[in-house]
Amino acid sequence: MSFLRSREPDRPAGASEGRCFLYVLPCAYEDLLKIGHSRNPLQRAQALQPRYFEFFDLGRAFALELDKVREARSLEHALHARLREHNAPAPLTVREQAAGLGEWYRGAYAQLEREAELWRAHGHAVHWPLSAWMARELTGQGDALYARAEELLTQLQGDTALLDAPELAPLRRNLLDTLDAHRALTFDLDRRLPPSLLDWYRRAGATVP
């Protein structure tokens, strides 16, 4: 069960209208990064790693915003060709079904940084750091987060202690990942959770401002 899936999952790319992003997601603790395109880089990062806000260095991550999926796909393919010598295996800690083949690179960040500067110079919107864009996305989910929290409390009949039951371990993990992401990127949970769930979250070991 996913605690918060307030929007439809990222759709397969097609040559359709509507904005699309070419994203660069550097890992936080090694010289490795992921290149891809997505209508929503936040959902893509979530699909790759549930602790995406720790796994990726979102302060160095960036995304080029384009008008069409086919533009993002074409540019991604061009980058893959230019960076072939930097190609590296996907890390084992990302979800295999979302990792993508041939989309991970080692030692390529400086070159992509220069590419981003050229995109900016040509008037394209580059969201850098991507953490700021993701924070706005999460902030926009505030009402949905509160509504899902209330729904969860209804299912638990108000007893948050049930979240510590072994049979609810997957839900508890998903809930903690979701709330930790909001805390890490938006720095505000007090107004996004009912008081009883916020108290449970604090007791669960999180340090909420």
Protein backbone atom coordinates (compact mmCIF):
# COMPACT_ATOMS: atom_id res chain seq x y z
CA MET A 1 0.00 0.00 0.00
CA SER A 2 1.38 3.39 -0.94
CA PHE A 3 0.73 6.07 1.63
CA LEU A 4 0.75 8.96 -0.81
CA ARG A 5 0.16 8.52 -4.53
CA SER A 6 -1.85 11.65 -5.09
CA ARG A 7 -1.16 11.77 -8.81
CA GLU A 8 -1.19 9.19 -11.54
CA PRO A 9 2.09 7.27 -11.95
CA ASP A 10 4.54 8.59 -14.50
CA ARG A 11 3.19 7.57 -17.92
CA PRO A 12 5.36 5.92 -20.56
CA ALA A 13 6.93 8.54 -22.78
CA GLY A 14 5.24 9.25 -26.08
CA ALA A 15 5.56 11.91 -28.74
CA SER A 16 2.80 13.95 -27.13
CA GLU A 17 2.44 17.57 -26.21
CA GLY A 18 3.00 18.78 -22.69
CA ARG A 19 6.10 19.53 -20.70
CA CYS A 20 8.73 16.91 -20.10
CA PHE A 21 12.03 17.04 -18.26
CA LEU A 22 15.47 15.76 -19.05
CA TYR A 23 16.89 15.10 -15.59
CA VAL A 24 20.33 14.45 -14.13
CA LEU A 25 20.36 12.75 -10.71
CA PRO A 26 23.84 12.43 -9.13
CA CYS A 27 24.24 9.92 -6.32
CA ALA A 28 25.09 11.42 -2.97
CA TYR A 29 28.08 9.29 -1.95
CA GLU A 30 29.81 8.29 -5.16
CA ASP A 31 30.63 9.68 -8.60
CA LEU A 32 27.64 8.10 -10.30
CA LEU A 33 24.57 9.67 -11.86
CA LYS A 34 21.36 8.81 -13.67
CA ILE A 35 20.17 10.51 -16.87
CA GLY A 36 16.61 10.16 -18.07
CA HIS A 37 13.46 11.93 -19.15
CA SER A 38 10.17 12.11 -17.32
CA ARG A 39 7.02 14.17 -17.08
CA ASN A 40 7.66 14.32 -13.35
CA PRO A 41 11.23 13.91 -12.04
CA LEU A 42 9.95 13.66 -8.46
CA GLN A 43 7.91 10.57 -9.27
CA ARG A 44 10.85 9.17 -11.21
CA ALA A 45 13.21 9.62 -8.27
CA GLN A 46 10.65 8.03 -5.95
CA ALA A 47 10.38 5.05 -8.29
CA LEU A 48 14.15 4.61 -8.34
CA GLN A 49 14.78 4.73 -4.60
CA PRO A 50 12.31 5.22 -1.72
CA ARG A 51 14.94 7.26 0.16
CA TYR A 52 15.65 9.32 -2.96
CA PHE A 53 16.14 12.51 -0.92
CA GLU A 54 19.17 10.87 0.74
CA PHE A 55 20.33 8.57 -2.04
CA PHE A 56 20.63 11.36 -4.62
CA ASP A 57 22.45 14.65 -4.14
CA LEU A 58 19.48 16.84 -4.97
CA GLY A 59 21.52 19.99 -4.37
CA ARG A 60 23.57 19.06 -7.47
CA ALA A 61 20.73 17.47 -9.43
CA PHE A 62 19.07 19.46 -12.21
CA ALA A 63 16.45 19.14 -14.93
CA LEU A 64 15.93 20.80 -18.29
CA GLU A 65 12.27 21.62 -18.94
CA LEU A 66 11.09 21.05 -22.51
CA ASP A 67 7.77 21.43 -24.30
CA LYS A 68 7.47 17.92 -25.72
CA VAL A 69 8.34 14.38 -24.72
CA ARG A 70 10.03 13.73 -28.06
CA GLU A 71 12.37 16.70 -27.49
CA ALA A 72 13.46 15.33 -24.12
CA ARG A 73 13.86 11.82 -25.52
CA SER A 74 15.92 13.05 -28.48
CA LEU A 75 18.24 15.07 -26.27
CA GLU A 76 18.61 12.16 -23.86
CA HIS A 77 19.61 9.83 -26.71
CA ALA A 78 22.20 12.38 -27.88
CA LEU A 79 23.67 12.56 -24.38
CA HIS A 80 23.83 8.80 -24.11
CA ALA A 81 25.84 8.71 -27.35
CA ARG A 82 28.26 11.42 -26.20
CA LEU A 83 28.77 9.88 -22.76
CA ARG A 84 29.13 6.27 -23.85
CA GLU A 85 32.66 5.98 -22.45
CA HIS A 86 31.34 6.96 -19.00
CA ASN A 87 28.61 4.31 -18.93
CA ALA A 88 28.41 2.34 -15.68
CA PRO A 89 26.18 -0.33 -14.12
CA ALA A 90 23.18 0.79 -12.11
CA PRO A 91 23.72 0.64 -8.34
CA LEU A 92 22.24 -2.40 -6.62
CA THR A 93 20.29 -0.22 -4.20
CA VAL A 94 17.90 1.17 -6.82
CA ARG A 95 14.77 -0.67 -7.85
CA GLU A 96 15.73 -2.96 -10.70
CA GLN A 97 12.51 -2.47 -12.66
CA ALA A 98 13.04 1.33 -12.65
CA ALA A 99 16.81 1.49 -13.03
CA GLY A 100 16.96 1.70 -16.82
CA LEU A 101 19.62 0.13 -19.02
CA GLY A 102 22.58 2.24 -20.07
CA GLU A 103 21.35 5.33 -18.20
CA TRP A 104 23.99 5.47 -15.42
CA TYR A 105 27.34 7.22 -15.79
CA ARG A 106 30.51 7.66 -13.80
CA GLY A 107 32.76 10.72 -14.12
CA ALA A 108 30.28 12.61 -16.33
CA TYR A 109 28.93 15.32 -14.03
CA ALA A 110 31.32 18.10 -15.11
CA GLN A 111 30.44 17.57 -18.76
CA LEU A 112 26.72 17.61 -18.00
CA GLU A 113 27.20 20.73 -15.92
CA ARG A 114 28.65 22.44 -18.99
CA GLU A 115 25.72 21.18 -21.07
CA ALA A 116 23.30 22.73 -18.57
CA GLU A 117 25.05 26.10 -18.83
CA LEU A 118 24.68 25.97 -22.61
CA TRP A 119 20.97 25.16 -22.27
CA ARG A 120 20.55 28.16 -20.00
CA ALA A 121 22.51 30.38 -22.38
CA HIS A 122 20.06 29.42 -25.14
CA GLY A 123 17.11 30.47 -23.00
CA HIS A 124 15.92 27.07 -21.79
CA ALA A 125 14.53 26.62 -18.28
CA VAL A 126 16.95 24.61 -16.17
CA HIS A 127 15.77 23.73 -12.65
CA TRP A 128 18.95 23.77 -10.61
CA PRO A 129 19.13 22.66 -7.88
CA LEU A 130 16.38 20.15 -8.46
CA SER A 131 15.76 20.06 -4.70
CA ALA A 132 13.96 23.42 -4.94
CA TRP A 133 11.66 22.17 -7.72
CA MET A 134 10.92 18.98 -5.80
CA ALA A 135 10.20 20.97 -2.65
CA ARG A 136 7.58 22.98 -4.54
CA GLU A 137 6.05 19.76 -5.85
CA LEU A 138 5.84 18.30 -2.36
CA THR A 139 4.44 21.54 -0.96
CA GLY A 140 1.70 21.34 -3.57
CA GLN A 141 0.81 17.90 -2.23
CA GLY A 142 0.22 19.24 1.28
CA ASP A 143 -3.57 18.96 1.17
CA ALA A 144 -3.37 15.46 -0.32
CA LEU A 145 -0.91 14.42 2.36
CA TYR A 146 -3.27 15.58 5.12
CA ALA A 147 -6.25 13.87 3.49
CA ARG A 148 -4.37 10.57 3.14
CA ALA A 149 -3.24 10.85 6.75
CA GLU A 150 -6.83 11.28 7.91
CA GLU A 151 -7.86 8.31 5.76
CA LEU A 152 -5.13 6.21 7.33
CA LEU A 153 -6.22 7.19 10.84
CA THR A 154 -9.78 6.19 9.97
CA GLN A 155 -8.55 2.77 8.84
CA LEU A 156 -6.59 2.44 12.10
CA GLN A 157 -9.62 3.62 14.09
CA GLY A 158 -7.39 6.31 15.51
CA ASP A 159 -4.93 3.88 17.08
CA THR A 160 -1.50 4.85 15.72
CA ALA A 161 0.11 2.14 17.87
CA LEU A 162 -1.11 -0.33 15.25
CA LEU A 163 1.48 1.08 12.87
CA ASP A 164 4.13 -0.71 14.92
CA ALA A 165 2.53 -4.13 14.34
CA PRO A 166 4.79 -6.51 12.32
CA GLU A 167 2.10 -7.14 9.71
CA LEU A 168 2.01 -3.41 8.90
CA ALA A 169 5.77 -3.09 8.50
CA PRO A 170 5.61 -2.29 4.72
CA LEU A 171 3.04 0.45 5.34
CA ARG A 172 5.08 1.82 8.23
CA ARG A 173 8.22 1.93 6.06
CA ASN A 174 6.38 3.66 3.22
CA LEU A 175 4.86 6.15 5.63
CA LEU A 176 8.21 7.00 7.19
CA ASP A 177 9.85 7.39 3.78
CA THR A 178 7.07 9.76 2.68
CA LEU A 179 7.16 11.87 5.82
CA ASP A 180 10.96 11.95 5.94
CA ALA A 181 10.97 13.28 2.36
CA HIS A 182 8.57 16.08 3.27
CA ARG A 183 10.65 16.90 6.33
CA ALA A 184 13.92 16.89 4.37
CA LEU A 185 12.71 19.00 1.45
CA THR A 186 9.93 21.23 2.78
CA PHE A 187 11.01 21.52 6.44
CA ASP A 188 7.38 21.62 7.55
CA LEU A 189 5.10 18.85 8.73
CA ASP A 190 3.14 20.44 11.57
CA ARG A 191 0.39 21.67 9.23
CA ARG A 192 0.48 18.63 6.97
CA LEU A 193 -0.42 15.93 9.49
CA PRO A 194 -3.21 15.39 12.03
CA PRO A 195 -1.76 15.84 15.55
CA SER A 196 -1.97 12.16 16.52
CA LEU A 197 -0.02 11.03 13.45
CA LEU A 198 2.53 13.79 13.94
CA ASP A 199 3.03 12.60 17.53
CA TRP A 200 3.53 9.04 16.29
CA TYR A 201 6.06 10.25 13.74
CA ARG A 202 8.02 12.07 16.41
CA ARG A 203 8.02 8.99 18.62
CA ALA A 204 9.15 6.88 15.68
CA GLY A 205 12.50 8.59 15.87
CA ALA A 206 12.23 11.54 13.51
CA THR A 207 13.31 14.97 14.58
CA VAL A 208 10.54 17.25 13.39
CA PRO A 209 11.20 21.00 13.68
